[in-house]
C-alpha cells in the first residue's frame, strides 16, 4: 500500500488543520492595534499562521478571549509548516491588583468593623 498523497490533498489537509487550530484556540496576540489568532502556545513562545499574520516584532500583548494574560517582548524564531514561531525575550504576566510598596503582616486585620448603633 502506498502512503503517497497528491499535493492538492496534502495542502487541503494542512489548511484544514490550521483552520481547526484557529477555531479551537481562544488565544490572540495584539500588535500595533491589530489582533491575530494564536495557533499554539508553550512556555517560551507561541506560533501564528504565517500566511495570515504579518511579521511581528517587539512588544505584543497576549489575550485569552477578553482576558489580558501578559505583555511580551518577542523575536521571530522559525517558520515551519506554514506557522511562524516566536520566542519570548521577556514575558510580564498581567496582575489583578497594583503591586504593594510594603510588606503585609501575616496577622494584619482584613477589615475594620464599625460600632453598632442601637
PDB file of N, CA and C in Angstrom:
ATOM      1  N   UNK A   1       0.839  -1.182   0.000  1.00  0.00           N
ATOM      2  CA  UNK A   1       0.000   0.000   0.000  1.00  0.00           C
ATOM      3  C   UNK A   1       0.885   1.246   0.000  1.00  0.00           C
ATOM      4  N   UNK A   2       0.509   2.223  -0.775  1.00  0.00           N
ATOM      5  CA  UNK A   2       1.286   3.446  -0.901  1.00  0.00           C
ATOM      6  C   UNK A   2       0.750   4.522   0.049  1.00  0.00           C
ATOM      7  N   UNK A   3       1.649   5.316   0.627  1.00  0.00           N
ATOM      8  CA  UNK A   3       1.236   6.405   1.516  1.00  0.00           C
ATOM      9  C   UNK A   3       1.357   7.753   0.824  1.00  0.00           C
ATOM     10  N   UNK A   4       1.483   7.739  -0.479  1.00  0.00           N
ATOM     11  CA  UNK A   4       1.608   8.973  -1.248  1.00  0.00           C
ATOM     12  C   UNK A   4       0.261   9.685  -1.339  1.00  0.00           C
ATOM     13  N   UNK A   5       0.267  10.978  -1.044  1.00  0.00           N
ATOM     14  CA  UNK A   5      -0.940  11.801  -1.203  1.00  0.00           C
ATOM     15  C   UNK A   5      -0.677  12.836  -2.282  1.00  0.00           C
ATOM     16  N   UNK A   6      -1.660  13.105  -3.133  1.00  0.00           N
ATOM     17  CA  UNK A   6      -1.486  14.168  -4.121  1.00  0.00           C
ATOM     18  C   UNK A   6      -1.227  15.510  -3.414  1.00  0.00           C
ATOM     19  N   UNK A   7      -0.490  16.373  -4.069  1.00  0.00           N
ATOM     20  CA  UNK A   7      -0.100  17.660  -3.492  1.00  0.00           C
ATOM     21  C   UNK A   7      -1.325  18.477  -3.073  1.00  0.00           C
ATOM     22  N   UNK A   8      -2.375  18.481  -3.899  1.00  0.00           N
ATOM     23  CA  UNK A   8      -3.574  19.259  -3.591  1.00  0.00           C
ATOM     24  C   UNK A   8      -4.257  18.748  -2.318  1.00  0.00           C
ATOM     25  N   UNK A   9      -4.297  17.441  -2.159  1.00  0.00           N
ATOM     26  CA  UNK A   9      -4.922  16.851  -0.982  1.00  0.00           C
ATOM     27  C   UNK A   9      -4.106  17.157   0.277  1.00  0.00           C
ATOM     28  N   UNK A  10      -2.790  17.069   0.160  1.00  0.00           N
ATOM     29  CA  UNK A  10      -1.919  17.376   1.301  1.00  0.00           C
ATOM     30  C   UNK A  10      -2.065  18.841   1.721  1.00  0.00           C
ATOM     31  N   UNK A  11      -2.122  19.758   0.757  1.00  0.00           N
ATOM     32  CA  UNK A  11      -2.312  21.185   1.061  1.00  0.00           C
ATOM     33  C   UNK A  11      -3.674  21.421   1.695  1.00  0.00           C
ATOM     34  N   UNK A  12      -4.698  20.729   1.207  1.00  0.00           N
ATOM     35  CA  UNK A  12      -6.032  20.852   1.780  1.00  0.00           C
ATOM     36  C   UNK A  12      -6.081  20.374   3.226  1.00  0.00           C
ATOM     37  N   UNK A  13      -5.405  19.273   3.518  1.00  0.00           N
ATOM     38  CA  UNK A  13      -5.345  18.775   4.894  1.00  0.00           C
ATOM     39  C   UNK A  13      -4.612  19.750   5.807  1.00  0.00           C
ATOM     40  N   UNK A  14      -3.545  20.340   5.308  1.00  0.00           N
ATOM     41  CA  UNK A  14      -2.797  21.315   6.109  1.00  0.00           C
ATOM     42  C   UNK A  14      -3.654  22.552   6.395  1.00  0.00           C
ATOM     43  N   UNK A  15      -4.385  23.023   5.422  1.00  0.00           N
ATOM     44  CA  UNK A  15      -5.282  24.170   5.624  1.00  0.00           C
ATOM     45  C   UNK A  15      -6.381  23.841   6.635  1.00  0.00           C
ATOM     46  N   UNK A  16      -6.913  22.626   6.549  1.00  0.00           N
ATOM     47  CA  UNK A  16      -7.954  22.204   7.489  1.00  0.00           C
ATOM     48  C   UNK A  16      -7.412  22.151   8.915  1.00  0.00           C
ATOM     49  N   UNK A  17      -6.174  21.676   9.100  1.00  0.00           N
ATOM     50  CA  UNK A  17      -5.545  21.649  10.430  1.00  0.00           C
ATOM     51  C   UNK A  17      -5.374  23.057  10.982  1.00  0.00           C
ATOM     52  N   UNK A  18      -4.913  23.991  10.127  1.00  0.00           N
ATOM     53  CA  UNK A  18      -4.727  25.373  10.577  1.00  0.00           C
ATOM     54  C   UNK A  18      -6.066  26.017  10.932  1.00  0.00           C
ATOM     55  N   UNK A  19      -7.080  25.758  10.126  1.00  0.00           N
ATOM     56  CA  UNK A  19      -8.408  26.318  10.388  1.00  0.00           C
ATOM     57  C   UNK A  19      -8.952  25.798  11.718  1.00  0.00           C
ATOM     58  N   UNK A  20      -8.801  24.487  11.957  1.00  0.00           N
ATOM     59  CA  UNK A  20      -9.273  23.896  13.207  1.00  0.00           C
ATOM     60  C   UNK A  20      -8.520  24.477  14.409  1.00  0.00           C
ATOM     61  N   UNK A  21      -7.217  24.677  14.267  1.00  0.00           N
ATOM     62  CA  UNK A  21      -6.416  25.243  15.360  1.00  0.00           C
ATOM     63  C   UNK A  21      -6.827  26.681  15.651  1.00  0.00           C
ATOM     64  N   UNK A  22      -7.133  27.461  14.604  1.00  0.00           N
ATOM     65  CA  UNK A  22      -7.579  28.851  14.808  1.00  0.00           C
ATOM     66  C   UNK A  22      -8.912  28.889  15.524  1.00  0.00           C
ATOM     67  N   UNK A  23      -9.833  28.002  15.149  1.00  0.00           N
ATOM     68  CA  UNK A  23     -11.158  27.980  15.757  1.00  0.00           C
ATOM     69  C   UNK A  23     -11.125  27.453  17.182  1.00  0.00           C
ATOM     70  N   UNK A  24     -10.258  26.484  17.458  1.00  0.00           N
ATOM     71  CA  UNK A  24     -10.201  25.881  18.787  1.00  0.00           C
ATOM     72  C   UNK A  24      -9.520  26.792  19.795  1.00  0.00           C
ATOM     73  N   UNK A  25      -8.603  27.617  19.351  1.00  0.00           N
ATOM     74  CA  UNK A  25      -7.838  28.460  20.262  1.00  0.00           C
ATOM     75  C   UNK A  25      -8.550  29.779  20.517  1.00  0.00           C
ATOM     76  N   UNK A  26      -8.630  30.163  21.778  1.00  0.00           N
ATOM     77  CA  UNK A  26      -9.173  31.476  22.142  1.00  0.00           C
ATOM     78  C   UNK A  26      -8.057  32.489  22.298  1.00  0.00           C
ATOM     79  N   UNK A  27      -6.823  32.024  22.147  1.00  0.00           N
ATOM     80  CA  UNK A  27      -5.674  32.907  22.319  1.00  0.00           C
ATOM     81  C   UNK A  27      -5.537  33.839  21.134  1.00  0.00           C
ATOM     82  N   UNK A  28      -5.111  35.055  21.436  1.00  0.00           N
ATOM     83  CA  UNK A  28      -4.833  36.011  20.369  1.00  0.00           C
ATOM     84  C   UNK A  28      -3.705  36.924  20.817  1.00  0.00           C
ATOM     85  N   UNK A  29      -3.026  37.482  19.860  1.00  0.00           N
ATOM     86  CA  UNK A  29      -1.935  38.406  20.131  1.00  0.00           C
ATOM     87  C   UNK A  29      -2.298  39.739  19.477  1.00  0.00           C
ATOM     88  N   UNK A  30      -2.026  40.829  20.190  1.00  0.00           N
ATOM     89  CA  UNK A  30      -2.287  42.163  19.655  1.00  0.00           C
ATOM     90  C   UNK A  30      -0.977  42.896  19.472  1.00  0.00           C
ATOM     91  N   UNK A  31      -0.812  43.462  18.274  1.00  0.00           N
ATOM     92  CA  UNK A  31       0.373  44.243  17.951  1.00  0.00           C
ATOM     93  C   UNK A  31      -0.054  45.407  17.069  1.00  0.00           C
ATOM     94  N   UNK A  32       0.396  46.596  17.391  1.00  0.00           N
ATOM     95  CA  UNK A  32       0.082  47.805  16.617  1.00  0.00           C
ATOM     96  C   UNK A  32      -1.417  48.007  16.449  1.00  0.00           C
ATOM     97  N   UNK A  33      -2.200  47.683  17.460  1.00  0.00           N
ATOM     98  CA  UNK A  33      -3.644  47.885  17.420  1.00  0.00           C
ATOM     99  C   UNK A  33      -4.410  46.845  16.627  1.00  0.00           C
ATOM    100  N   UNK A  34      -3.744  45.813  16.142  1.00  0.00           N
ATOM    101  CA  UNK A  34      -4.404  44.754  15.378  1.00  0.00           C
ATOM    102  C   UNK A  34      -4.323  43.448  16.152  1.00  0.00           C
ATOM    103  N   UNK A  35      -5.338  42.605  15.980  1.00  0.00           N
ATOM    104  CA  UNK A  35      -5.428  41.349  16.706  1.00  0.00           C
ATOM    105  C   UNK A  35      -5.280  40.173  15.747  1.00  0.00           C
ATOM    106  N   UNK A  36      -4.490  39.149  16.161  1.00  0.00           N
ATOM    107  CA  UNK A  36      -4.246  37.983  15.336  1.00  0.00           C
ATOM    108  C   UNK A  36      -4.419  36.719  16.174  1.00  0.00           C
ATOM    109  N   UNK A  37      -4.996  35.649  15.601  1.00  0.00           N
ATOM    110  CA  UNK A  37      -5.174  34.408  16.370  1.00  0.00           C
ATOM    111  C   UNK A  37      -3.847  33.678  16.578  1.00  0.00           C
ATOM    112  N   UNK A  38      -3.702  33.081  17.752  1.00  0.00           N
ATOM    113  CA  UNK A  38      -2.532  32.277  18.092  1.00  0.00           C
ATOM    114  C   UNK A  38      -2.906  30.810  17.898  1.00  0.00           C
ATOM    115  N   UNK A  39      -2.104  30.075  17.150  1.00  0.00           N
ATOM    116  CA  UNK A  39      -2.390  28.667  16.898  1.00  0.00           C
ATOM    117  C   UNK A  39      -1.955  27.786  18.056  1.00  0.00           C
ATOM    118  N   UNK A  40      -0.742  27.993  18.554  1.00  0.00           N
ATOM    119  CA  UNK A  40      -0.211  27.203  19.665  1.00  0.00           C
ATOM    120  C   UNK A  40       0.540  28.123  20.610  1.00  0.00           C
ATOM    121  N   UNK A  41       0.581  27.724  21.874  1.00  0.00           N
ATOM    122  CA  UNK A  41       1.345  28.472  22.874  1.00  0.00           C
ATOM    123  C   UNK A  41       2.081  27.480  23.752  1.00  0.00           C
ATOM    124  N   UNK A  42       3.314  27.771  24.099  1.00  0.00           N
ATOM    125  CA  UNK A  42       4.098  26.948  25.003  1.00  0.00           C
ATOM    126  C   UNK A  42       4.807  27.874  25.979  1.00  0.00           C
ATOM    127  N   UNK A  43       5.619  27.318  26.838  1.00  0.00           N
ATOM    128  CA  UNK A  43       6.239  28.073  27.931  1.00  0.00           C
ATOM    129  C   UNK A  43       7.083  29.247  27.441  1.00  0.00           C
ATOM    130  N   UNK A  44       7.820  29.067  26.356  1.00  0.00           N
ATOM    131  CA  UNK A  44       8.752  30.096  25.894  1.00  0.00           C
ATOM    132  C   UNK A  44       8.317  30.819  24.631  1.00  0.00           C
ATOM    133  N   UNK A  45       7.070  30.627  24.174  1.00  0.00           N
ATOM    134  CA  UNK A  45       6.661  31.308  22.963  1.00  0.00           C
ATOM    135  C   UNK A  45       5.310  30.868  22.447  1.00  0.00           C
ATOM    136  N   UNK A  46       5.047  31.220  21.182  1.00  0.00           N
ATOM    137  CA  UNK A  46       3.770  30.898  20.545  1.00  0.00           C
ATOM    138  C   UNK A  46       3.975  30.855  19.041  1.00  0.00           C
ATOM    139  N   UNK A  47       2.964  30.358  18.326  1.00  0.00           N
ATOM    140  CA  UNK A  47       3.023  30.329  16.866  1.00  0.00           C
ATOM    141  C   UNK A  47       1.731  30.885  16.287  1.00  0.00           C
ATOM    142  N   UNK A  48       1.855  31.481  15.110  1.00  0.00           N
ATOM    143  CA  UNK A  48       0.719  32.049  14.389  1.00  0.00           C
ATOM    144  C   UNK A  48       0.782  31.561  12.944  1.00  0.00           C
ATOM    145  N   UNK A  49      -0.307  31.749  12.216  1.00  0.00           N
ATOM    146  CA  UNK A  49      -0.364  31.377  10.805  1.00  0.00           C
ATOM    147  C   UNK A  49       0.486  32.358  10.001  1.00  0.00           C
ATOM    148  N   UNK A  50       1.507  31.867   9.340  1.00  0.00           N
ATOM    149  CA  UNK A  50       2.451  32.716   8.616  1.00  0.00           C
ATOM    150  C   UNK A  50       1.801  33.419   7.424  1.00  0.00           C
ATOM    151  N   UNK A  51       0.750  32.832   6.856  1.00  0.00           N
ATOM    152  CA  UNK A  51       0.105  33.434   5.691  1.00  0.00           C
ATOM    153  C   UNK A  51      -0.852  34.560   6.070  1.00  0.00           C
ATOM    154  N   UNK A  52      -1.414  34.513   7.263  1.00  0.00           N
ATOM    155  CA  UNK A  52      -2.418  35.483   7.695  1.00  0.00           C
ATOM    156  C   UNK A  52      -1.798  36.641   8.470  1.00  0.00           C
ATOM    157  N   UNK A  53      -0.827  36.341   9.315  1.00  0.00           N
ATOM    158  CA  UNK A  53      -0.250  37.328  10.219  1.00  0.00           C
ATOM    159  C   UNK A  53       1.020  37.916   9.605  1.00  0.00           C
ATOM    160  N   UNK A  54       1.119  39.256   9.574  1.00  0.00           N
ATOM    161  CA  UNK A  54       2.355  39.864   9.076  1.00  0.00           C
ATOM    162  C   UNK A  54       3.490  39.617  10.071  1.00  0.00           C
ATOM    163  N   UNK A  55       4.735  39.801   9.660  1.00  0.00           N
ATOM    164  CA  UNK A  55       5.850  39.597  10.595  1.00  0.00           C
ATOM    165  C   UNK A  55       5.708  40.492  11.826  1.00  0.00           C
ATOM    166  N   UNK A  56       5.840  39.904  12.996  1.00  0.00           N
ATOM    167  CA  UNK A  56       5.727  40.630  14.255  1.00  0.00           C
ATOM    168  C   UNK A  56       7.108  40.786  14.868  1.00  0.00           C
ATOM    169  N   UNK A  57       7.277  41.866  15.635  1.00  0.00           N
ATOM    170  CA  UNK A  57       8.489  42.012  16.430  1.00  0.00           C
ATOM    171  C   UNK A  57       8.272  43.097  17.459  1.00  0.00           C
ATOM    172  N   UNK A  58       9.015  42.992  18.529  1.00  0.00           N
ATOM    173  CA  UNK A  58       8.902  43.988  19.585  1.00  0.00           C
ATOM    174  C   UNK A  58       7.884  43.579  20.631  1.00  0.00           C
ATOM    175  N   UNK A  59       7.207  44.573  21.201  1.00  0.00           N
ATOM    176  CA  UNK A  59       6.232  44.328  22.260  1.00  0.00           C
ATOM    177  C   UNK A  59       4.866  43.958  21.697  1.00  0.00           C
ATOM    178  N   UNK A  60       4.296  42.893  22.230  1.00  0.00           N
ATOM    179  CA  UNK A  60       2.942  42.468  21.877  1.00  0.00           C
ATOM    180  C   UNK A  60       2.204  42.135  23.170  1.00  0.00           C
ATOM    181  N   UNK A  61       0.890  42.079  23.090  1.00  0.00           N
ATOM    182  CA  UNK A  61       0.067  41.708  24.238  1.00  0.00           C
ATOM    183  C   UNK A  61      -0.656  40.409  23.921  1.00  0.00           C
ATOM    184  N   UNK A  62      -0.687  39.504  24.884  1.00  0.00           N
ATOM    185  CA  UNK A  62      -1.291  38.191  24.715  1.00  0.00           C
ATOM    186  C   UNK A  62      -2.599  38.142  25.486  1.00  0.00           C
ATOM    187  N   UNK A  63      -3.677  37.687  24.827  1.00  0.00           N
ATOM    188  CA  UNK A  63      -5.005  37.615  25.419  1.00  0.00           C
ATOM    189  C   UNK A  63      -5.567  36.206  25.271  1.00  0.00           C
ATOM    190  N   UNK A  64      -6.417  35.814  26.220  1.00  0.00           N
ATOM    191  CA  UNK A  64      -7.223  34.610  26.098  1.00  0.00           C
ATOM    192  C   UNK A  64      -8.666  35.073  26.150  1.00  0.00           C
ATOM    193  N   UNK A  65      -9.317  35.095  25.008  1.00  0.00           N
ATOM    194  CA  UNK A  65     -10.639  35.709  24.927  1.00  0.00           C
ATOM    195  C   UNK A  65     -10.476  37.202  25.178  1.00  0.00           C
ATOM    196  N   UNK A  66     -11.160  37.724  26.192  1.00  0.00           N
ATOM    197  CA  UNK A  66     -11.015  39.137  26.527  1.00  0.00           C
ATOM    198  C   UNK A  66     -10.101  39.348  27.731  1.00  0.00           C
ATOM    199  N   UNK A  67      -9.594  38.252  28.306  1.00  0.00           N
ATOM    200  CA  UNK A  67      -8.741  38.344  29.496  1.00  0.00           C
ATOM    201  C   UNK A  67      -7.291  38.586  29.094  1.00  0.00           C
ATOM    202  N   UNK A  68      -6.724  39.675  29.613  1.00  0.00           N
ATOM    203  CA  UNK A  68      -5.341  40.048  29.336  1.00  0.00           C
ATOM    204  C   UNK A  68      -4.409  39.118  30.100  1.00  0.00           C
ATOM    205  N   UNK A  69      -3.485  38.435  29.390  1.00  0.00           N
ATOM    206  CA  UNK A  69      -2.568  37.489  30.025  1.00  0.00           C
ATOM    207  C   UNK A  69      -1.200  38.087  30.326  1.00  0.00           C
ATOM    208  N   UNK A  70      -0.578  38.692  29.306  1.00  0.00           N
ATOM    209  CA  UNK A  70       0.775  39.203  29.524  1.00  0.00           C
ATOM    210  C   UNK A  70       1.203  40.153  28.411  1.00  0.00           C
ATOM    211  N   UNK A  71       2.236  40.922  28.739  1.00  0.00           N
ATOM    212  CA  UNK A  71       2.927  41.745  27.756  1.00  0.00           C
ATOM    213  C   UNK A  71       4.237  41.044  27.461  1.00  0.00           C
ATOM    214  N   UNK A  72       4.557  40.888  26.174  1.00  0.00           N
ATOM    215  CA  UNK A  72       5.726  40.089  25.802  1.00  0.00           C
ATOM    216  C   UNK A  72       6.614  40.861  24.828  1.00  0.00           C
ATOM    217  N   UNK A  73       7.909  40.703  25.005  1.00  0.00           N
ATOM    218  CA  UNK A  73       8.889  41.162  24.033  1.00  0.00           C
ATOM    219  C   UNK A  73       9.282  39.918  23.255  1.00  0.00           C
ATOM    220  N   UNK A  74       9.053  39.922  21.931  1.00  0.00           N
ATOM    221  CA  UNK A  74       9.228  38.705  21.139  1.00  0.00           C
ATOM    222  C   UNK A  74      10.260  38.882  20.040  1.00  0.00           C
ATOM    223  N   UNK A  75      10.783  37.734  19.579  1.00  0.00           N
ATOM    224  CA  UNK A  75      11.626  37.680  18.389  1.00  0.00           C
ATOM    225  C   UNK A  75      11.154  36.504  17.544  1.00  0.00           C
ATOM    226  N   UNK A  76      11.298  36.624  16.235  1.00  0.00           N
ATOM    227  CA  UNK A  76      10.923  35.534  15.335  1.00  0.00           C
ATOM    228  C   UNK A  76      11.929  34.405  15.487  1.00  0.00           C
ATOM    229  N   UNK A  77      11.430  33.192  15.566  1.00  0.00           N
ATOM    230  CA  UNK A  77      12.302  32.039  15.782  1.00  0.00           C
ATOM    231  C   UNK A  77      12.489  31.242  14.490  1.00  0.00           C
ATOM    232  N   UNK A  78      11.389  30.728  13.936  1.00  0.00           N
ATOM    233  CA  UNK A  78      11.488  29.904  12.728  1.00  0.00           C
ATOM    234  C   UNK A  78      10.114  29.795  12.084  1.00  0.00           C
ATOM    235  N   UNK A  79      10.119  29.468  10.801  1.00  0.00           N
ATOM    236  CA  UNK A  79       8.863  29.191  10.107  1.00  0.00           C
ATOM    237  C   UNK A  79       8.889  27.732   9.685  1.00  0.00           C
ATOM    238  N   UNK A  80       7.847  27.009  10.080  1.00  0.00           N
ATOM    239  CA  UNK A  80       7.771  25.599   9.703  1.00  0.00           C
ATOM    240  C   UNK A  80       6.316  25.194   9.540  1.00  0.00           C
ATOM    241  N   UNK A  81       6.014  24.528   8.485  1.00  0.00           N
ATOM    242  CA  UNK A  81       4.666  24.025   8.230  1.00  0.00           C
ATOM    243  C   UNK A  81       3.620  25.116   8.119  1.00  0.00           C
ATOM    244  N   UNK A  82       3.976  26.282   7.595  1.00  0.00           N
ATOM    245  CA  UNK A  82       3.011  27.366   7.451  1.00  0.00           C
ATOM    246  C   UNK A  82       2.766  28.137   8.737  1.00  0.00           C
ATOM    247  N   UNK A  83       3.504  27.820   9.790  1.00  0.00           N
ATOM    248  CA  UNK A  83       3.371  28.524  11.067  1.00  0.00           C
ATOM    249  C   UNK A  83       4.658  29.284  11.367  1.00  0.00           C
ATOM    250  N   UNK A  84       4.505  30.518  11.830  1.00  0.00           N
ATOM    251  CA  UNK A  84       5.649  31.319  12.256  1.00  0.00           C
ATOM    252  C   UNK A  84       5.765  31.209  13.758  1.00  0.00           C
ATOM    253  N   UNK A  85       6.933  30.797  14.240  1.00  0.00           N
ATOM    254  CA  UNK A  85       7.170  30.621  15.675  1.00  0.00           C
ATOM    255  C   UNK A  85       7.856  31.859  16.230  1.00  0.00           C
ATOM    256  N   UNK A  86       7.403  32.315  17.381  1.00  0.00           N
ATOM    257  CA  UNK A  86       8.001  33.444  18.081  1.00  0.00           C
ATOM    258  C   UNK A  86       8.409  33.006  19.475  1.00  0.00           C
ATOM    259  N   UNK A  87       9.558  33.471  19.915  1.00  0.00           N
ATOM    260  CA  UNK A  87      10.065  33.172  21.250  1.00  0.00           C
ATOM    261  C   UNK A  87      10.025  34.436  22.092  1.00  0.00           C
ATOM    262  N   UNK A  88       9.811  34.265  23.399  1.00  0.00           N
ATOM    263  CA  UNK A  88       9.799  35.391  24.320  1.00  0.00           C
ATOM    264  C   UNK A  88      11.222  35.757  24.720  1.00  0.00           C
ATOM    265  N   UNK A  89      11.549  37.037  24.650  1.00  0.00           N
ATOM    266  CA  UNK A  89      12.760  37.527  25.292  1.00  0.00           C
ATOM    267  C   UNK A  89      12.413  37.927  26.720  1.00  0.00           C
ATOM    268  N   UNK A  90      11.169  38.415  26.879  1.00  0.00           N
ATOM    269  CA  UNK A  90      10.647  38.804  28.184  1.00  0.00           C
ATOM    270  C   UNK A  90       9.140  38.645  28.141  1.00  0.00           C
ATOM    271  N   UNK A  91       8.571  38.127  29.214  1.00  0.00           N
ATOM    272  CA  UNK A  91       7.122  37.988  29.325  1.00  0.00           C
ATOM    273  C   UNK A  91       6.712  38.441  30.720  1.00  0.00           C
ATOM    274  N   UNK A  92       5.895  39.488  30.788  1.00  0.00           N
ATOM    275  CA  UNK A  92       5.446  40.032  32.063  1.00  0.00           C
ATOM    276  C   UNK A  92       3.974  39.693  32.238  1.00  0.00           C
ATOM    277  N   UNK A  93       3.648  38.818  33.203  1.00  0.00           N
ATOM    278  CA  UNK A  93       2.243  38.446  33.399  1.00  0.00           C
ATOM    279  C   UNK A  93       1.410  39.619  33.906  1.00  0.00           C
ATOM    280  N   UNK A  94       0.134  39.604  33.550  1.00  0.00           N
ATOM    281  CA  UNK A  94      -0.792  40.644  33.995  1.00  0.00           C
ATOM    282  C   UNK A  94      -1.135  40.424  35.458  1.00  0.00           C
ATOM    283  N   UNK A  95      -1.430  41.515  36.160  1.00  0.00           N
ATOM    284  CA  UNK A  95      -1.819  41.439  37.575  1.00  0.00           C
ATOM    285  C   UNK A  95      -3.241  41.932  37.727  1.00  0.00           C
ATOM    286  N   UNK A  96      -3.926  41.364  38.724  1.00  0.00           N
ATOM    287  CA  UNK A  96      -5.285  41.802  39.020  1.00  0.00           C
ATOM    288  C   UNK A  96      -5.306  43.037  39.908  1.00  0.00           C
ATOM    289  N   UNK A  97      -4.240  43.241  40.680  1.00  0.00           N
ATOM    290  CA  UNK A  97      -4.174  44.378  41.600  1.00  0.00           C
ATOM    291  C   UNK A  97      -2.814  45.055  41.442  1.00  0.00           C
ATOM    292  N   UNK A  98      -2.750  46.289  41.900  1.00  0.00           N
ATOM    293  CA  UNK A  98      -1.494  47.023  41.839  1.00  0.00           C
ATOM    294  C   UNK A  98      -0.493  46.416  42.817  1.00  0.00           C
ATOM    295  N   UNK A  99       0.788  46.452  42.486  1.00  0.00           N
ATOM    296  CA  UNK A  99       1.785  45.920  43.410  1.00  0.00           C
ATOM    297  C   UNK A  99       1.868  46.780  44.670  1.00  0.00           C
ATOM    298  N   UNK A 100       2.178  46.146  45.790  1.00  0.00           N
ATOM    299  CA  UNK A 100       2.300  46.857  47.059  1.00  0.00           C
ATOM    300  C   UNK A 100       3.708  47.403  47.225  1.00  0.00           C
ATOM    301  N   UNK A 101       3.853  48.563  47.920  1.00  0.00           N
ATOM    302  CA  UNK A 101       5.195  49.063  48.198  1.00  0.00           C
ATOM    303  C   UNK A 101       5.594  48.771  49.639  1.00  0.00           C
ATOM    304  N   UNK A 102       4.920  47.833  50.271  1.00  0.00           N
ATOM    305  CA  UNK A 102       5.258  47.457  51.639  1.00  0.00           C
ATOM    306  C   UNK A 102       4.917  45.989  51.830  1.00  0.00           C
ATOM    307  N   UNK A 103       5.462  45.415  52.892  1.00  0.00           N
ATOM    308  CA  UNK A 103       5.199  44.011  53.193  1.00  0.00           C
ATOM    309  C   UNK A 103       4.001  43.912  54.117  1.00  0.00           C
ATOM    310  N   UNK A 104       3.056  43.058  53.774  1.00  0.00           N
ATOM    311  CA  UNK A 104       1.877  42.850  54.607  1.00  0.00           C
ATOM    312  C   UNK A 104       2.202  41.874  55.730  1.00  0.00           C
ATOM    313  N   UNK A 105       1.740  42.196  56.936  1.00  0.00           N
ATOM    314  CA  UNK A 105       1.899  41.272  58.052  1.00  0.00           C
ATOM    315  C   UNK A 105       0.925  40.112  57.883  1.00  0.00           C
ATOM    316  N   UNK A 106       1.352  38.943  58.290  1.00  0.00           N
ATOM    317  CA  UNK A 106       0.512  37.754  58.155  1.00  0.00           C
ATOM    318  C   UNK A 106      -0.729  37.848  59.051  1.00  0.00           C
ATOM    319  N   UNK A 107      -0.607  38.521  60.189  1.00  0.00           N
ATOM    320  CA  UNK A 107      -1.743  38.612  61.108  1.00  0.00           C
ATOM    321  C   UNK A 107      -2.430  39.990  61.050  1.00  0.00           C
ATOM    322  N   UNK A 108      -2.279  40.707  59.963  1.00  0.00           N
ATOM    323  CA  UNK A 108      -2.919  42.016  59.806  1.00  0.00           C
ATOM    324  C   UNK A 108      -4.424  41.853  59.659  1.00  0.00           C
ATOM    325  N   UNK A 109      -5.209  42.817  60.189  1.00  0.00           N
ATOM    326  CA  UNK A 109      -6.668  42.707  60.052  1.00  0.00           C
ATOM    327  C   UNK A 109      -7.096  42.840  58.593  1.00  0.00           C
ATOM    328  N   UNK A 110      -8.164  42.141  58.273  1.00  0.00           N
ATOM    329  CA  UNK A 110      -8.670  42.157  56.903  1.00  0.00           C
ATOM    330  C   UNK A 110      -9.540  43.392  56.677  1.00  0.00           C
ATOM    331  N   UNK A 111     -10.327  43.755  57.658  1.00  0.00           N
ATOM    332  CA  UNK A 111     -11.222  44.902  57.535  1.00  0.00           C
ATOM    333  C   UNK A 111     -11.463  45.505  58.910  1.00  0.00           C
ATOM    334  N   UNK A 112     -11.999  46.713  58.932  1.00  0.00           N
ATOM    335  CA  UNK A 112     -12.362  47.373  60.177  1.00  0.00           C
ATOM    336  C   UNK A 112     -13.867  47.312  60.342  1.00  0.00           C
ATOM    337  N   UNK A 113     -14.306  46.997  61.556  1.00  0.00           N
ATOM    338  CA  UNK A 113     -15.730  46.929  61.854  1.00  0.00           C
ATOM    339  C   UNK A 113     -16.147  48.219  62.554  1.00  0.00           C
ATOM    340  N   UNK A 114     -17.257  48.771  62.131  1.00  0.00           N
ATOM    341  CA  UNK A 114     -17.781  49.999  62.766  1.00  0.00           C
ATOM    342  C   UNK A 114     -18.538  49.650  64.036  1.00  0.00           C
ATOM    343  N   UNK A 115     -18.872  50.684  64.806  1.00  0.00           N
ATOM    344  CA  UNK A 115     -19.631  50.480  66.044  1.00  0.00           C
ATOM    345  C   UNK A 115     -21.093  50.224  65.701  1.00  0.00           C
ATOM    346  N   UNK A 116     -21.666  49.346  66.459  1.00  0.00           N
ATOM    347  CA  UNK A 116     -23.095  49.044  66.269  1.00  0.00           C
ATOM    348  C   UNK A 116     -23.898  50.154  66.896  1.00  0.00           C
ATOM    349  N   UNK A 117     -24.936  50.627  66.218  1.00  0.00           N
ATOM    350  CA  UNK A 117     -25.816  51.655  66.763  1.00  0.00           C
ATOM    351  C   UNK A 117     -27.103  51.007  67.245  1.00  0.00           C
ATOM    352  N   UNK A 118     -27.600  51.473  68.367  1.00  0.00           N
ATOM    353  CA  UNK A 118     -28.824  50.910  68.936  1.00  0.00           C
ATOM    354  C   UNK A 118     -30.054  51.570  68.405  1.00  0.00           C
TER     355      UNK A 118
END
